[in-house]
C-alpha atoms as a PDB file:
ATOM      1  CA  MET A   1      -4.220 242.929 378.351  1.00  0.00           C
ATOM      2  CA  THR A   2      -4.449 240.011 375.913  1.00  0.00           C
ATOM      3  CA  GLU A   3      -6.855 239.249 373.086  1.00  0.00           C
ATOM      4  CA  GLY A   4      -8.511 236.635 375.342  1.00  0.00           C
ATOM      5  CA  ASP A   5      -9.275 239.373 377.901  1.00  0.00           C
ATOM      6  CA  LEU A   6     -10.994 241.487 375.243  1.00  0.00           C
ATOM      7  CA  ASN A   7     -12.860 238.600 373.619  1.00  0.00           C
ATOM      8  CA  PRO A   8     -13.218 235.392 375.675  1.00  0.00           C
ATOM      9  CA  ASN A   9     -14.278 233.487 372.536  1.00  0.00           C
ATOM     10  CA  ALA A  10     -11.059 234.464 370.718  1.00  0.00           C
ATOM     11  CA  THR A  11      -9.025 231.893 372.664  1.00  0.00           C
ATOM     12  CA  THR A  12     -11.545 229.155 371.857  1.00  0.00           C
ATOM     13  CA  VAL A  13     -11.615 230.086 368.163  1.00  0.00           C
ATOM     14  CA  SER A  14      -7.820 230.139 368.023  1.00  0.00           C
ATOM     15  CA  LYS A  15      -7.673 226.660 369.602  1.00  0.00           C
ATOM     16  CA  ASP A  16     -10.326 225.377 367.152  1.00  0.00           C
ATOM     17  CA  ILE A  17      -8.308 226.702 364.216  1.00  0.00           C
ATOM     18  CA  ASP A  18      -5.089 225.188 365.559  1.00  0.00           C
ATOM     19  CA  GLN A  19      -6.885 221.837 365.961  1.00  0.00           C
ATOM     20  CA  THR A  20      -8.220 222.028 362.387  1.00  0.00           C
ATOM     21  CA  VAL A  21      -4.755 222.750 360.996  1.00  0.00           C
ATOM     22  CA  GLU A  22      -3.367 219.843 363.040  1.00  0.00           C
ATOM     23  CA  ARG A  23      -6.082 217.489 361.671  1.00  0.00           C
ATOM     24  CA  MET A  24      -5.202 218.531 358.101  1.00  0.00           C
ATOM     25  CA  GLU A  25      -1.536 217.857 358.810  1.00  0.00           C
ATOM     26  CA  GLN A  26      -2.472 214.421 360.207  1.00  0.00           C
ATOM     27  CA  LEU A  27      -4.493 213.735 357.041  1.00  0.00           C
ATOM     28  CA  TYR A  28      -1.483 214.743 354.947  1.00  0.00           C
ATOM     29  CA  ARG A  29       0.727 212.342 356.951  1.00  0.00           C
ATOM     30  CA  ALA A  30      -1.827 209.523 356.590  1.00  0.00           C
ATOM     31  CA  VAL A  31      -2.125 209.961 352.814  1.00  0.00           C
ATOM     32  CA  THR A  32       1.524 210.611 351.930  1.00  0.00           C
ATOM     33  CA  GLY A  33       3.398 208.881 354.747  1.00  0.00           C
ATOM     34  CA  ARG A  34       5.430 212.067 355.311  1.00  0.00           C
ATOM     35  CA  ASP A  35       5.163 215.038 357.626  1.00  0.00           C
ATOM     36  CA  ALA A  36       3.428 218.087 356.198  1.00  0.00           C
ATOM     37  CA  PRO A  37       5.873 220.704 354.955  1.00  0.00           C
ATOM     38  CA  PRO A  38       6.340 223.692 357.208  1.00  0.00           C
ATOM     39  CA  PRO A  39       4.209 226.777 356.570  1.00  0.00           C
ATOM     40  CA  GLU A  40       5.648 229.553 354.420  1.00  0.00           C
ATOM     41  CA  THR A  41       6.508 231.400 357.628  1.00  0.00           C
ATOM     42  CA  GLU A  42       7.497 230.146 361.054  1.00  0.00           C
ATOM     43  CA  TYR A  43       4.489 228.949 363.066  1.00  0.00           C
ATOM     44  CA  ALA A  44       3.080 231.278 365.648  1.00  0.00           C
ATOM     45  CA  PRO A  45      -0.438 231.787 366.990  1.00  0.00           C
ATOM     46  CA  ILE A  46      -2.604 233.760 364.589  1.00  0.00           C
ATOM     47  CA  PRO A  47      -2.188 237.467 365.405  1.00  0.00           C
ATOM     48  CA  ALA A  48      -5.361 239.315 366.390  1.00  0.00           C
ATOM     49  CA  GLU A  49      -5.156 241.591 363.345  1.00  0.00           C
ATOM     50  CA  LYS A  50      -5.246 238.618 360.913  1.00  0.00           C
ATOM     51  CA  ASP A  51      -8.422 236.926 359.745  1.00  0.00           C
ATOM     52  CA  PRO A  52      -8.334 233.384 361.211  1.00  0.00           C
ATOM     53  CA  ALA A  53     -10.622 231.963 358.517  1.00  0.00           C
ATOM     54  CA  GLU A  54      -8.387 233.321 355.748  1.00  0.00           C
ATOM     55  CA  TYR A  55      -5.293 231.873 357.447  1.00  0.00           C
ATOM     56  CA  VAL A  56      -6.884 228.412 357.743  1.00  0.00           C
ATOM     57  CA  GLU A  57      -8.176 228.555 354.153  1.00  0.00           C
ATOM     58  CA  ARG A  58      -4.710 229.406 352.815  1.00  0.00           C
ATOM     59  CA  ARG A  59      -3.168 226.553 354.838  1.00  0.00           C
ATOM     60  CA  LEU A  60      -5.868 224.056 353.769  1.00  0.00           C
ATOM     61  CA  ASN A  61      -5.487 225.001 350.097  1.00  0.00           C
ATOM     62  CA  TYR A  62      -1.709 224.675 350.383  1.00  0.00           C
ATOM     63  CA  LEU A  63      -1.945 221.189 351.925  1.00  0.00           C
ATOM     64  CA  LEU A  64      -4.574 220.071 349.390  1.00  0.00           C
ATOM     65  CA  GLU A  65      -2.314 221.180 346.539  1.00  0.00           C
ATOM     66  CA  LEU A  66       0.570 219.237 348.050  1.00  0.00           C
ATOM     67  CA  LEU A  67      -1.654 216.150 348.249  1.00  0.00           C
ATOM     68  CA  GLY A  68      -1.912 216.299 344.466  1.00  0.00           C
ATOM     69  CA  ALA A  69      -5.482 217.553 344.188  1.00  0.00           C
ATOM     70  CA  ALA A  70      -4.493 218.885 340.750  1.00  0.00           C
ATOM     71  CA  PRO A  71      -1.617 218.091 338.396  1.00  0.00           C
ATOM     72  CA  GLN A  72       1.304 220.523 338.443  1.00  0.00           C
ATOM     73  CA  THR A  73       0.268 222.105 335.125  1.00  0.00           C
ATOM     74  CA  ALA A  74      -3.323 222.640 336.275  1.00  0.00           C
ATOM     75  CA  ARG A  75      -2.149 224.221 339.529  1.00  0.00           C
ATOM     76  CA  ALA A  76      -0.406 226.979 337.618  1.00  0.00           C
ATOM     77  CA  THR A  77      -3.663 227.989 335.911  1.00  0.00           C
ATOM     78  CA  ALA A  78      -6.068 227.398 338.836  1.00  0.00           C
ATOM     79  CA  TRP A  79      -7.832 230.413 340.299  1.00  0.00           C
ATOM     80  CA  ILE A  80      -9.739 231.171 343.486  1.00  0.00           C
ATOM     81  CA  PRO A  81     -13.126 232.841 342.999  1.00  0.00           C
ATOM     82  CA  PRO A  82     -13.932 235.783 345.295  1.00  0.00           C
ATOM     83  CA  MET A  83     -16.585 235.297 347.952  1.00  0.00           C
ATOM     84  CA  SER A  84     -18.576 237.182 350.563  1.00  0.00           C
ATOM     85  CA  VAL A  85     -19.894 235.717 353.818  1.00  0.00           C
ATOM     86  CA  TRP A  86     -22.785 236.892 355.994  1.00  0.00           C
ATOM     87  CA  GLU A  87     -24.019 235.374 359.243  1.00  0.00           C
ATOM     88  CA  SER A  88     -27.247 235.469 361.232  1.00  0.00           C
ATOM     89  CA  ASP A  89     -28.236 233.651 364.398  1.00  0.00           C
ATOM     90  CA  LYS A  90     -29.648 230.737 362.401  1.00  0.00           C
ATOM     91  CA  GLU A  91     -27.590 230.463 359.219  1.00  0.00           C
ATOM     92  CA  ILE A  92     -24.489 231.407 357.269  1.00  0.00           C
ATOM     93  CA  LEU A  93     -24.850 232.870 353.768  1.00  0.00           C
ATOM     94  CA  ILE A  94     -21.909 232.535 351.366  1.00  0.00           C
ATOM     95  CA  ARG A  95     -21.879 234.086 347.899  1.00  0.00           C
ATOM     96  CA  VAL A  96     -19.160 233.012 345.464  1.00  0.00           C
ATOM     97  CA  ASP A  97     -18.693 235.090 342.284  1.00  0.00           C
ATOM     98  CA  LEU A  98     -18.562 232.752 339.279  1.00  0.00           C
ATOM     99  CA  PRO A  99     -19.416 234.820 336.180  1.00  0.00           C
ATOM    100  CA  GLY A 100     -19.395 232.767 333.009  1.00  0.00           C
ATOM    101  CA  VAL A 101     -19.654 229.469 334.894  1.00  0.00           C
ATOM    102  CA  SER A 102     -22.787 227.361 334.428  1.00  0.00           C
ATOM    103  CA  ARG A 103     -24.289 225.359 337.288  1.00  0.00           C
ATOM    104  CA  GLU A 104     -23.255 222.164 335.480  1.00  0.00           C
ATOM    105  CA  GLN A 105     -19.609 223.234 335.781  1.00  0.00           C
ATOM    106  CA  VAL A 106     -19.788 223.738 339.579  1.00  0.00           C
ATOM    107  CA  GLN A 107     -19.365 221.085 342.256  1.00  0.00           C
ATOM    108  CA  VAL A 108     -20.046 221.767 345.944  1.00  0.00           C
ATOM    109  CA  THR A 109     -19.095 219.252 348.636  1.00  0.00           C
ATOM    110  CA  SER A 110     -19.313 219.429 352.399  1.00  0.00           C
ATOM    111  CA  GLN A 111     -17.620 217.378 355.081  1.00  0.00           C
ATOM    112  CA  ASP A 112     -17.735 218.260 358.750  1.00  0.00           C
ATOM    113  CA  ASN A 113     -16.938 221.983 358.900  1.00  0.00           C
ATOM    114  CA  VAL A 114     -15.290 222.188 355.471  1.00  0.00           C
ATOM    115  CA  LEU A 115     -17.176 223.323 352.376  1.00  0.00           C
ATOM    116  CA  THR A 116     -15.476 223.052 348.977  1.00  0.00           C
ATOM    117  CA  VAL A 117     -16.579 224.767 345.760  1.00  0.00           C
ATOM    118  CA  SER A 118     -14.761 223.644 342.616  1.00  0.00           C
ATOM    119  CA  GLY A 119     -15.228 223.494 338.881  1.00  0.00           C
ATOM    120  CA  THR A 120     -14.043 224.998 335.627  1.00  0.00           C
ATOM    121  CA  ARG A 121     -14.650 228.212 333.724  1.00  0.00           C
ATOM    122  CA  ARG A 122     -14.224 227.529 330.030  1.00  0.00           C
ATOM    123  CA  ASP A 123     -12.232 229.797 327.786  1.00  0.00           C
ATOM    124  CA  SER A 124     -13.706 231.263 324.608  1.00  0.00           C
ATOM    125  CA  ASN A 125     -13.315 228.746 321.810  1.00  0.00           C
ATOM    126  CA  ASP A 126     -14.152 230.994 318.851  1.00  0.00           C
ATOM    127  CA  PRO A 127     -11.409 230.163 316.298  1.00  0.00           C
ATOM    128  CA  GLN A 128     -11.563 233.556 314.574  1.00  0.00           C
ATOM    129  CA  PHE A 129     -10.406 235.356 317.740  1.00  0.00           C
ATOM    130  CA  ARG A 130      -7.137 235.085 319.607  1.00  0.00           C
ATOM    131  CA  PRO A 131      -6.576 236.497 323.083  1.00  0.00           C
ATOM    132  CA  ARG A 132      -4.912 239.910 323.417  1.00  0.00           C
ATOM    133  CA  THR A 133      -5.497 240.701 327.078  1.00  0.00           C
ATOM    134  CA  ARG A 134      -6.792 238.406 329.817  1.00  0.00           C
ATOM    135  CA  GLU A 135      -7.974 239.781 333.135  1.00  0.00           C
ATOM    136  CA  CYS A 136     -10.650 237.139 333.745  1.00  0.00           C
ATOM    137  CA  PRO A 137      -9.184 233.801 334.775  1.00  0.00           C
ATOM    138  CA  SER A 138     -10.334 230.616 333.117  1.00  0.00           C
ATOM    139  CA  GLY A 139      -9.744 226.947 333.768  1.00  0.00           C
ATOM    140  CA  PRO A 140     -10.128 225.041 337.028  1.00  0.00           C
ATOM    141  CA  PHE A 141     -11.018 226.783 340.266  1.00  0.00           C
ATOM    142  CA  ARG A 142     -11.286 225.665 343.872  1.00  0.00           C
ATOM    143  CA  ARG A 143     -12.384 227.442 347.044  1.00  0.00           C
ATOM    144  CA  VAL A 144     -12.193 225.698 350.426  1.00  0.00           C
ATOM    145  CA  MET A 145     -14.091 227.298 353.291  1.00  0.00           C
ATOM    146  CA  PHE A 146     -13.971 226.496 356.988  1.00  0.00           C
ATOM    147  CA  VAL A 147     -17.399 226.944 358.598  1.00  0.00           C
ATOM    148  CA  PRO A 148     -16.817 227.268 362.375  1.00  0.00           C
ATOM    149  CA  ALA A 149     -20.478 226.873 363.349  1.00  0.00           C
ATOM    150  CA  GLY A 150     -20.684 223.420 361.738  1.00  0.00           C
ATOM    151  CA  LEU A 151     -23.019 222.009 359.141  1.00  0.00           C
ATOM    152  CA  ARG A 152     -26.383 220.346 359.646  1.00  0.00           C
ATOM    153  CA  SER A 153     -26.829 216.693 358.821  1.00  0.00           C
ATOM    154  CA  THR A 154     -29.009 217.843 355.898  1.00  0.00           C
ATOM    155  CA  GLU A 155     -27.186 219.280 352.932  1.00  0.00           C
ATOM    156  CA  PRO A 156     -26.650 223.036 352.664  1.00  0.00           C
ATOM    157  CA  SER A 157     -28.740 224.721 349.993  1.00  0.00           C
ATOM    158  CA  ALA A 158     -26.917 225.895 346.871  1.00  0.00           C
ATOM    159  CA  GLU A 159     -28.358 228.047 344.098  1.00  0.00           C
ATOM    160  CA  MET A 160     -26.739 229.682 341.075  1.00  0.00           C
ATOM    161  CA  LYS A 161     -28.183 233.088 340.092  1.00  0.00           C
ATOM    162  CA  ALA A 162     -26.695 235.464 337.515  1.00  0.00           C
ATOM    163  CA  GLY A 163     -23.154 234.129 337.896  1.00  0.00           C
ATOM    164  CA  VAL A 164     -23.242 234.042 341.709  1.00  0.00           C
ATOM    165  CA  LEU A 165     -23.317 230.782 343.676  1.00  0.00           C
ATOM    166  CA  GLU A 166     -25.334 231.285 346.851  1.00  0.00           C
ATOM    167  CA  LEU A 167     -24.844 228.791 349.684  1.00  0.00           C
ATOM    168  CA  ARG A 168     -27.026 228.786 352.806  1.00  0.00           C
ATOM    169  CA  ILE A 169     -25.847 226.752 355.775  1.00  0.00           C
ATOM    170  CA  LYS A 170     -28.008 226.160 358.843  1.00  0.00           C
ATOM    171  CA  LYS A 171     -26.121 226.459 362.125  1.00  0.00           C
ATOM    172  CA  GLU A 172     -26.252 223.170 363.986  1.00  0.00           C
ATOM    173  CA  ALA A 173     -23.704 220.597 365.105  1.00  0.00           C
ATOM    174  CA  PRO A 174     -22.978 218.004 362.394  1.00  0.00           C
ATOM    175  CA  GLU A 175     -24.188 214.447 362.967  1.00  0.00           C
ATOM    176  CA  THR A 176     -22.032 212.681 360.387  1.00  0.00           C
ATOM    177  CA  ALA A 177     -18.516 213.025 359.045  1.00  0.00           C
ATOM    178  CA  ALA A 178     -19.148 211.390 355.643  1.00  0.00           C
ATOM    179  CA  PRO A 179     -18.519 213.603 352.600  1.00  0.00           C
ATOM    180  CA  ARG A 180     -21.665 214.735 350.804  1.00  0.00           C
ATOM    181  CA  THR A 181     -22.182 216.223 347.363  1.00  0.00           C
ATOM    182  CA  VAL A 182     -24.372 219.323 347.366  1.00  0.00           C
ATOM    183  CA  ARG A 183     -26.756 219.733 344.406  1.00  0.00           C
ATOM    184  CA  VAL A 184     -26.499 223.139 342.683  1.00  0.00           C
ATOM    185  CA  ASN A 185     -29.910 224.423 341.524  1.00  0.00           C
END
């Protein structure tokens, strides 16, 4: 018995993910003129026990880094904020933990089924203190999310409350492929 027998949508989702990865590799080729580097491990279909969204996100982030989205020095200090995702019949709710980051320091963009949250968390600049221990990352951050249900032609809603960015995305097929900037309230 295969995964497709247990969940008929699993095969479709796997094909959608493979197509998305292929489109990102085509974008990489178009921008750089070279083939995308091979994944860290040999390519194989995503095993049933792995989270497909996490796999695609890791691959997208890897390709974006290779495209030079950030200078080499910034890449070493970049961090990925944790997030939680909930889904209903009508919308997807994403919460990204960004303590210490103001709404002015956050940028949210959406294009097709890809939502990107980026910005910077500033370090303490009090000259009388020097760091002893650092468990909270600072500097630039970036989180790329694949939204399988698609995005509406209207922008997703984004609101910052108590250090948590809350994104609400209506489920509906996208009408346009142009990148849009999402206003953070």
